[in-house]
């Protein structure tokens, strides 16, 4: 068995790393997935560590005629005109995570019936927005994370 260094794979991968990382960025991949909603009014929700980048792309491509809500990691919130921006806890949910989940539910309840919603999820979402089921405390939920 050969190692990465012995057969040159390591150097190849390192030389291509910027290209690979760029391909993973929301600006590179998200537009093609939003085409189905082009020209339509939609609700917008972005949740997770990549929420600010994803929401920025979605608003630029689709607009935000019905506003939207974005939940990012505390301290990484970003102002986007027309979008409610919240910070929540990661990796362990806390009270801010429950407030974010309630804000998302409220946003959805106030949208016109039948309006499509683009819901963009990335890593950390399950911590940043959580509403434990009846009978479970936030501490019990946090222990599962």
N, C-alpha and C. Protein backbone atom coordinates (compact mmCIF):
# COMPACT_ATOMS: atom_id res chain seq x y z
N UNK A 1 0.85 -1.18 0.00
CA UNK A 1 0.00 0.00 0.00
C UNK A 1 0.90 1.24 0.00
N UNK A 2 0.60 2.19 -0.88
CA UNK A 2 1.40 3.41 -0.95
C UNK A 2 0.71 4.54 -0.21
N UNK A 3 1.51 5.47 0.29
CA UNK A 3 0.94 6.62 0.99
C UNK A 3 0.67 7.74 0.00
N UNK A 4 -0.05 8.75 0.44
CA UNK A 4 -0.30 9.91 -0.41
C UNK A 4 1.00 10.53 -0.88
N UNK A 5 1.96 10.67 0.01
CA UNK A 5 3.21 11.34 -0.34
C UNK A 5 4.01 10.53 -1.34
N UNK A 6 3.96 9.21 -1.26
CA UNK A 6 4.75 8.37 -2.15
C UNK A 6 4.26 8.43 -3.59
N UNK A 7 2.97 8.55 -3.80
CA UNK A 7 2.48 8.49 -5.18
C UNK A 7 2.03 9.84 -5.73
N UNK A 8 2.25 10.92 -5.00
CA UNK A 8 1.95 12.25 -5.53
C UNK A 8 0.51 12.69 -5.37
N UNK A 9 -0.36 11.84 -4.84
CA UNK A 9 -1.76 12.24 -4.67
C UNK A 9 -1.89 13.42 -3.73
N UNK A 10 -1.08 13.45 -2.70
CA UNK A 10 -1.17 14.54 -1.72
C UNK A 10 -0.90 15.89 -2.40
N UNK A 11 0.15 15.95 -3.19
CA UNK A 11 0.48 17.20 -3.89
C UNK A 11 -0.63 17.59 -4.86
N UNK A 12 -1.15 16.60 -5.56
CA UNK A 12 -2.25 16.87 -6.48
C UNK A 12 -3.44 17.46 -5.74
N UNK A 13 -3.83 16.82 -4.64
CA UNK A 13 -4.98 17.30 -3.87
C UNK A 13 -4.74 18.69 -3.31
N UNK A 14 -3.56 18.93 -2.79
CA UNK A 14 -3.24 20.26 -2.25
C UNK A 14 -3.24 21.31 -3.35
N UNK A 15 -2.78 20.96 -4.53
CA UNK A 15 -2.77 21.94 -5.63
C UNK A 15 -4.18 22.29 -6.09
N UNK A 16 -5.11 21.38 -5.92
CA UNK A 16 -6.49 21.60 -6.35
C UNK A 16 -7.39 22.10 -5.23
N UNK A 17 -6.87 22.20 -4.00
CA UNK A 17 -7.68 22.56 -2.85
C UNK A 17 -8.47 23.85 -3.05
N UNK A 18 -7.87 24.95 -3.55
CA UNK A 18 -8.67 26.16 -3.75
C UNK A 18 -9.87 25.94 -4.68
N UNK A 19 -9.67 25.17 -5.73
CA UNK A 19 -10.76 24.85 -6.66
C UNK A 19 -11.85 24.04 -5.97
N UNK A 20 -11.47 23.05 -5.18
CA UNK A 20 -12.44 22.22 -4.47
C UNK A 20 -13.24 23.05 -3.47
N UNK A 21 -12.55 23.91 -2.74
CA UNK A 21 -13.24 24.75 -1.75
C UNK A 21 -14.19 25.72 -2.44
N UNK A 22 -13.79 26.30 -3.56
CA UNK A 22 -14.66 27.22 -4.29
C UNK A 22 -15.93 26.51 -4.76
N UNK A 23 -15.80 25.27 -5.18
CA UNK A 23 -16.96 24.52 -5.65
C UNK A 23 -17.97 24.27 -4.54
N UNK A 24 -17.51 24.29 -3.29
CA UNK A 24 -18.40 24.06 -2.14
C UNK A 24 -19.06 25.33 -1.64
N UNK A 25 -18.66 26.48 -2.14
CA UNK A 25 -19.21 27.75 -1.66
C UNK A 25 -20.61 27.97 -2.24
N UNK A 26 -21.48 28.55 -1.43
CA UNK A 26 -22.87 28.78 -1.84
C UNK A 26 -22.97 29.52 -3.16
N UNK A 27 -22.09 30.46 -3.40
CA UNK A 27 -22.13 31.23 -4.65
C UNK A 27 -21.90 30.34 -5.87
N UNK A 28 -21.19 29.26 -5.68
CA UNK A 28 -20.86 28.39 -6.80
C UNK A 28 -21.97 27.40 -7.14
N UNK A 29 -22.66 26.90 -6.14
CA UNK A 29 -23.60 25.81 -6.42
C UNK A 29 -25.07 26.16 -6.25
N UNK A 30 -25.39 27.22 -5.54
CA UNK A 30 -26.78 27.43 -5.15
C UNK A 30 -27.67 27.93 -6.28
N UNK A 31 -27.15 28.79 -7.15
CA UNK A 31 -28.00 29.37 -8.21
C UNK A 31 -28.68 28.32 -9.06
N UNK A 32 -27.95 27.28 -9.43
CA UNK A 32 -28.55 26.27 -10.30
C UNK A 32 -29.73 25.57 -9.62
N UNK A 33 -29.69 25.50 -8.30
CA UNK A 33 -30.78 24.87 -7.57
C UNK A 33 -31.95 25.83 -7.34
N UNK A 34 -31.70 27.12 -7.45
CA UNK A 34 -32.76 28.12 -7.26
C UNK A 34 -33.51 28.42 -8.55
N UNK A 35 -33.01 27.96 -9.68
CA UNK A 35 -33.63 28.27 -10.97
C UNK A 35 -35.11 27.90 -11.02
N UNK A 36 -35.48 26.84 -10.34
CA UNK A 36 -36.88 26.40 -10.34
C UNK A 36 -37.81 27.45 -9.76
N UNK A 37 -37.27 28.37 -8.96
CA UNK A 37 -38.09 29.40 -8.31
C UNK A 37 -37.91 30.77 -8.95
N UNK A 38 -37.13 30.86 -9.99
CA UNK A 38 -36.86 32.13 -10.65
C UNK A 38 -38.16 32.76 -11.15
N UNK A 39 -38.35 34.04 -10.84
CA UNK A 39 -39.54 34.76 -11.28
C UNK A 39 -40.77 34.52 -10.42
N UNK A 40 -40.66 33.69 -9.40
CA UNK A 40 -41.79 33.40 -8.52
C UNK A 40 -41.58 34.06 -7.17
N UNK A 41 -42.68 34.38 -6.51
CA UNK A 41 -42.60 34.87 -5.14
C UNK A 41 -42.43 33.66 -4.23
N UNK A 42 -41.52 33.79 -3.28
CA UNK A 42 -41.24 32.70 -2.35
C UNK A 42 -40.94 33.27 -0.97
N UNK A 43 -41.10 32.43 0.03
CA UNK A 43 -40.58 32.72 1.36
C UNK A 43 -39.16 32.19 1.42
N UNK A 44 -38.33 32.81 2.24
CA UNK A 44 -36.93 32.41 2.33
C UNK A 44 -36.53 32.14 3.78
N UNK A 45 -35.93 30.98 4.00
CA UNK A 45 -35.38 30.63 5.30
C UNK A 45 -34.01 30.03 5.06
N UNK A 46 -33.02 30.50 5.82
CA UNK A 46 -31.68 29.91 5.78
C UNK A 46 -31.26 29.62 7.22
N UNK A 47 -30.75 28.44 7.43
CA UNK A 47 -30.45 27.98 8.79
C UNK A 47 -29.17 27.17 8.78
N UNK A 48 -28.21 27.56 9.61
CA UNK A 48 -26.97 26.81 9.73
C UNK A 48 -25.75 27.71 9.61
N UNK A 49 -24.59 27.09 9.67
CA UNK A 49 -23.35 27.85 9.65
C UNK A 49 -23.14 28.59 8.33
N UNK A 50 -23.66 28.09 7.24
CA UNK A 50 -23.53 28.75 5.94
C UNK A 50 -24.73 29.63 5.61
N UNK A 51 -25.62 29.84 6.57
CA UNK A 51 -26.85 30.60 6.32
C UNK A 51 -26.61 31.98 5.73
N UNK A 52 -25.67 32.78 6.24
CA UNK A 52 -25.48 34.11 5.66
C UNK A 52 -25.11 34.07 4.17
N UNK A 53 -24.19 33.19 3.80
CA UNK A 53 -23.81 33.09 2.39
C UNK A 53 -24.96 32.57 1.54
N UNK A 54 -25.66 31.56 2.03
CA UNK A 54 -26.78 31.00 1.26
C UNK A 54 -27.88 32.03 1.08
N UNK A 55 -28.21 32.76 2.14
CA UNK A 55 -29.28 33.76 2.05
C UNK A 55 -28.88 34.89 1.12
N UNK A 56 -27.64 35.30 1.17
CA UNK A 56 -27.18 36.37 0.29
C UNK A 56 -27.37 35.98 -1.18
N UNK A 57 -27.02 34.76 -1.52
CA UNK A 57 -27.20 34.27 -2.88
C UNK A 57 -28.69 34.19 -3.23
N UNK A 58 -29.50 33.66 -2.33
CA UNK A 58 -30.94 33.51 -2.60
C UNK A 58 -31.61 34.86 -2.81
N UNK A 59 -31.29 35.84 -1.97
CA UNK A 59 -31.90 37.17 -2.11
C UNK A 59 -31.44 37.83 -3.40
N UNK A 60 -30.17 37.71 -3.75
CA UNK A 60 -29.67 38.30 -4.99
C UNK A 60 -30.35 37.67 -6.21
N UNK A 61 -30.63 36.39 -6.15
CA UNK A 61 -31.20 35.67 -7.29
C UNK A 61 -32.73 35.73 -7.33
N UNK A 62 -33.37 35.66 -6.16
CA UNK A 62 -34.83 35.55 -6.11
C UNK A 62 -35.53 36.80 -5.58
N UNK A 63 -34.79 37.68 -4.91
CA UNK A 63 -35.43 38.80 -4.23
C UNK A 63 -36.04 38.30 -2.92
N UNK A 64 -36.68 39.22 -2.22
CA UNK A 64 -37.29 38.81 -0.94
C UNK A 64 -38.59 39.56 -0.72
N UNK A 65 -39.52 39.40 -1.66
CA UNK A 65 -40.80 40.11 -1.59
C UNK A 65 -41.60 39.74 -0.35
N UNK A 66 -41.34 38.60 0.23
CA UNK A 66 -42.04 38.17 1.45
C UNK A 66 -41.08 38.11 2.63
N UNK A 67 -39.99 38.85 2.53
CA UNK A 67 -39.01 38.84 3.60
C UNK A 67 -38.36 37.48 3.73
N UNK A 68 -37.83 37.22 4.88
CA UNK A 68 -37.18 35.94 5.13
C UNK A 68 -36.58 35.95 6.51
N UNK A 69 -36.09 34.80 6.90
CA UNK A 69 -35.45 34.68 8.20
C UNK A 69 -34.19 33.83 8.05
N UNK A 70 -33.13 34.30 8.69
CA UNK A 70 -31.84 33.63 8.60
C UNK A 70 -31.33 33.42 10.02
N UNK A 71 -30.90 32.20 10.30
CA UNK A 71 -30.33 31.88 11.62
C UNK A 71 -28.91 31.37 11.40
N UNK A 72 -27.96 32.12 11.94
CA UNK A 72 -26.54 31.77 11.84
C UNK A 72 -25.99 31.54 13.25
N UNK A 73 -24.77 31.11 13.31
CA UNK A 73 -24.11 30.94 14.60
C UNK A 73 -23.96 32.31 15.26
N UNK A 74 -24.15 32.35 16.59
CA UNK A 74 -24.01 33.60 17.33
C UNK A 74 -22.70 34.28 16.96
N UNK A 75 -22.80 35.58 16.69
CA UNK A 75 -21.62 36.35 16.32
C UNK A 75 -21.33 36.36 14.84
N UNK A 76 -22.04 35.54 14.06
CA UNK A 76 -21.81 35.46 12.62
C UNK A 76 -23.04 35.90 11.83
N UNK A 77 -23.96 36.61 12.51
CA UNK A 77 -25.13 37.13 11.83
C UNK A 77 -24.67 38.16 10.78
N UNK A 78 -25.50 38.35 9.78
CA UNK A 78 -25.16 39.28 8.71
C UNK A 78 -26.41 40.07 8.35
N UNK A 79 -26.24 41.37 8.13
CA UNK A 79 -27.38 42.19 7.72
C UNK A 79 -27.63 41.97 6.23
N UNK A 80 -28.86 41.60 5.91
CA UNK A 80 -29.32 41.52 4.52
C UNK A 80 -30.67 42.22 4.51
N UNK A 81 -30.79 43.24 3.70
CA UNK A 81 -32.01 44.05 3.65
C UNK A 81 -33.24 43.18 3.43
N UNK A 82 -34.24 43.35 4.29
CA UNK A 82 -35.49 42.61 4.17
C UNK A 82 -35.51 41.26 4.86
N UNK A 83 -34.38 40.87 5.45
CA UNK A 83 -34.26 39.56 6.07
C UNK A 83 -34.04 39.72 7.57
N UNK A 84 -34.80 38.97 8.36
CA UNK A 84 -34.59 38.95 9.81
C UNK A 84 -33.40 38.04 10.09
N UNK A 85 -32.39 38.57 10.75
CA UNK A 85 -31.17 37.82 11.02
C UNK A 85 -31.05 37.54 12.51
N UNK A 86 -30.90 36.26 12.85
CA UNK A 86 -30.78 35.84 14.24
C UNK A 86 -29.50 35.05 14.44
N UNK A 87 -28.96 35.13 15.65
CA UNK A 87 -27.82 34.31 16.03
C UNK A 87 -28.28 33.28 17.04
N UNK A 88 -27.78 32.08 16.91
CA UNK A 88 -28.16 31.01 17.84
C UNK A 88 -26.94 30.15 18.16
N UNK A 89 -27.10 29.33 19.16
CA UNK A 89 -25.98 28.56 19.71
C UNK A 89 -25.61 27.36 18.84
N UNK A 90 -24.31 27.12 18.77
CA UNK A 90 -23.75 25.94 18.12
C UNK A 90 -22.43 25.62 18.81
N UNK A 91 -22.14 24.41 19.18
CA UNK A 91 -22.80 23.17 18.81
C UNK A 91 -23.87 22.68 19.80
N UNK A 92 -23.99 23.32 20.95
CA UNK A 92 -24.98 22.89 21.93
C UNK A 92 -26.13 23.89 21.93
N UNK A 93 -27.38 23.44 21.73
CA UNK A 93 -28.50 24.37 21.72
C UNK A 93 -28.71 25.04 23.08
N UNK A 94 -29.19 26.28 23.04
CA UNK A 94 -29.54 26.99 24.26
C UNK A 94 -30.83 27.77 24.02
N UNK A 95 -31.14 28.70 24.89
CA UNK A 95 -32.38 29.47 24.78
C UNK A 95 -32.48 30.18 23.42
N UNK A 96 -31.35 30.66 22.90
CA UNK A 96 -31.37 31.34 21.60
C UNK A 96 -31.80 30.38 20.49
N UNK A 97 -31.50 29.10 20.64
CA UNK A 97 -31.90 28.09 19.66
C UNK A 97 -33.42 27.91 19.66
N UNK A 98 -34.00 27.94 20.85
CA UNK A 98 -35.46 27.84 20.95
C UNK A 98 -36.12 29.09 20.38
N UNK A 99 -35.55 30.26 20.67
CA UNK A 99 -36.11 31.51 20.14
C UNK A 99 -36.03 31.53 18.62
N UNK A 100 -34.94 31.02 18.06
CA UNK A 100 -34.81 30.96 16.60
C UNK A 100 -35.86 30.03 16.00
N UNK A 101 -36.07 28.87 16.60
CA UNK A 101 -37.08 27.93 16.09
C UNK A 101 -38.47 28.56 16.14
N UNK A 102 -38.77 29.25 17.23
CA UNK A 102 -40.07 29.91 17.35
C UNK A 102 -40.22 31.02 16.31
N UNK A 103 -39.14 31.75 16.03
CA UNK A 103 -39.19 32.81 15.02
C UNK A 103 -39.44 32.23 13.64
N UNK A 104 -38.83 31.09 13.34
CA UNK A 104 -39.07 30.43 12.05
C UNK A 104 -40.54 30.01 11.95
N UNK A 105 -41.07 29.42 13.00
CA UNK A 105 -42.48 29.00 13.00
C UNK A 105 -43.40 30.20 12.80
N UNK A 106 -43.11 31.30 13.47
CA UNK A 106 -43.92 32.51 13.33
C UNK A 106 -43.86 33.05 11.91
N UNK A 107 -42.66 33.08 11.34
CA UNK A 107 -42.50 33.54 9.95
C UNK A 107 -43.36 32.69 9.01
N UNK A 108 -43.28 31.38 9.17
CA UNK A 108 -44.05 30.48 8.30
C UNK A 108 -45.56 30.67 8.47
N UNK A 109 -46.00 30.90 9.69
CA UNK A 109 -47.43 31.08 9.95
C UNK A 109 -47.98 32.35 9.31
N UNK A 110 -47.12 33.34 9.09
CA UNK A 110 -47.58 34.61 8.54
C UNK A 110 -47.42 34.72 7.02
N UNK A 111 -46.92 33.69 6.38
CA UNK A 111 -46.82 33.71 4.92
C UNK A 111 -48.18 33.39 4.31
N UNK A 112 -48.44 33.90 3.11
CA UNK A 112 -49.68 33.55 2.42
C UNK A 112 -49.78 32.03 2.21
N UNK A 113 -50.97 31.51 2.38
CA UNK A 113 -51.18 30.07 2.19
C UNK A 113 -50.80 29.68 0.77
N UNK A 114 -50.08 28.60 0.65
CA UNK A 114 -49.69 28.08 -0.66
C UNK A 114 -48.41 28.67 -1.22
N UNK A 115 -47.84 29.67 -0.56
CA UNK A 115 -46.61 30.28 -1.05
C UNK A 115 -45.45 29.29 -0.89
N UNK A 116 -44.70 29.05 -1.97
CA UNK A 116 -43.55 28.15 -1.82
C UNK A 116 -42.51 28.77 -0.88
N UNK A 117 -41.81 27.93 -0.15
CA UNK A 117 -40.76 28.38 0.75
C UNK A 117 -39.46 27.68 0.36
N UNK A 118 -38.43 28.47 0.14
CA UNK A 118 -37.09 27.94 -0.09
C UNK A 118 -36.42 27.86 1.27
N UNK A 119 -36.12 26.65 1.71
CA UNK A 119 -35.55 26.42 3.04
C UNK A 119 -34.13 25.89 2.84
N UNK A 120 -33.16 26.73 3.14
CA UNK A 120 -31.76 26.41 2.92
C UNK A 120 -31.12 25.96 4.24
N UNK A 121 -30.60 24.75 4.25
CA UNK A 121 -30.02 24.17 5.47
C UNK A 121 -28.54 23.87 5.27
N UNK A 122 -27.78 24.11 6.33
CA UNK A 122 -26.37 23.72 6.32
C UNK A 122 -26.01 23.17 7.70
N UNK A 123 -24.79 22.77 7.86
CA UNK A 123 -24.33 22.18 9.11
C UNK A 123 -24.62 23.07 10.31
N UNK A 124 -24.98 22.46 11.41
CA UNK A 124 -25.27 23.18 12.64
C UNK A 124 -26.73 23.52 12.83
N UNK A 125 -27.55 23.28 11.83
CA UNK A 125 -28.96 23.68 11.88
C UNK A 125 -29.71 23.05 13.05
N UNK A 126 -29.42 21.81 13.36
CA UNK A 126 -30.18 21.14 14.42
C UNK A 126 -29.89 21.71 15.80
N UNK A 127 -28.76 22.37 15.94
CA UNK A 127 -28.45 23.03 17.21
C UNK A 127 -29.00 24.45 17.24
N UNK A 128 -28.96 25.12 16.10
CA UNK A 128 -29.32 26.54 16.05
C UNK A 128 -30.82 26.80 16.10
N UNK A 129 -31.61 25.82 15.79
CA UNK A 129 -33.07 25.96 15.87
C UNK A 129 -33.62 24.66 16.42
N UNK A 130 -34.02 24.67 17.67
CA UNK A 130 -34.58 23.45 18.24
C UNK A 130 -35.71 23.78 19.19
N UNK A 131 -36.75 23.00 19.08
CA UNK A 131 -37.89 23.06 20.00
C UNK A 131 -38.11 21.63 20.50
N UNK A 132 -37.63 21.33 21.69
CA UNK A 132 -37.81 19.97 22.20
C UNK A 132 -39.30 19.60 22.26
N UNK A 133 -39.57 18.33 22.05
CA UNK A 133 -40.94 17.84 22.10
C UNK A 133 -41.49 18.01 23.51
N UNK A 134 -42.81 18.02 23.62
CA UNK A 134 -43.44 18.11 24.94
C UNK A 134 -42.89 17.02 25.85
N UNK A 135 -42.59 17.41 27.06
CA UNK A 135 -42.06 16.46 28.03
C UNK A 135 -40.55 16.38 28.05
N UNK A 136 -39.88 17.06 27.12
CA UNK A 136 -38.41 17.06 27.10
C UNK A 136 -37.92 18.48 27.35
N UNK A 137 -36.97 18.63 28.23
CA UNK A 137 -36.43 19.96 28.52
C UNK A 137 -35.32 20.30 27.53
N UNK A 138 -34.98 21.57 27.47
CA UNK A 138 -33.87 22.00 26.62
C UNK A 138 -32.57 21.34 27.08
N UNK A 139 -32.39 21.19 28.38
CA UNK A 139 -31.18 20.53 28.88
C UNK A 139 -31.09 19.08 28.41
N UNK A 140 -32.23 18.39 28.40
CA UNK A 140 -32.25 17.01 27.91
C UNK A 140 -31.94 16.97 26.42
N UNK A 141 -32.48 17.90 25.67
CA UNK A 141 -32.20 17.98 24.23
C UNK A 141 -30.73 18.28 24.00
N UNK A 142 -30.18 19.23 24.77
CA UNK A 142 -28.78 19.60 24.63
C UNK A 142 -27.87 18.40 24.91
N UNK A 143 -28.27 17.55 25.84
CA UNK A 143 -27.46 16.37 26.17
C UNK A 143 -27.38 15.40 25.00
N UNK A 144 -28.34 15.46 24.09
CA UNK A 144 -28.34 14.58 22.91
C UNK A 144 -27.41 15.08 21.83
N UNK A 145 -27.05 16.36 21.88
CA UNK A 145 -26.20 16.96 20.84
C UNK A 145 -24.76 16.54 21.00
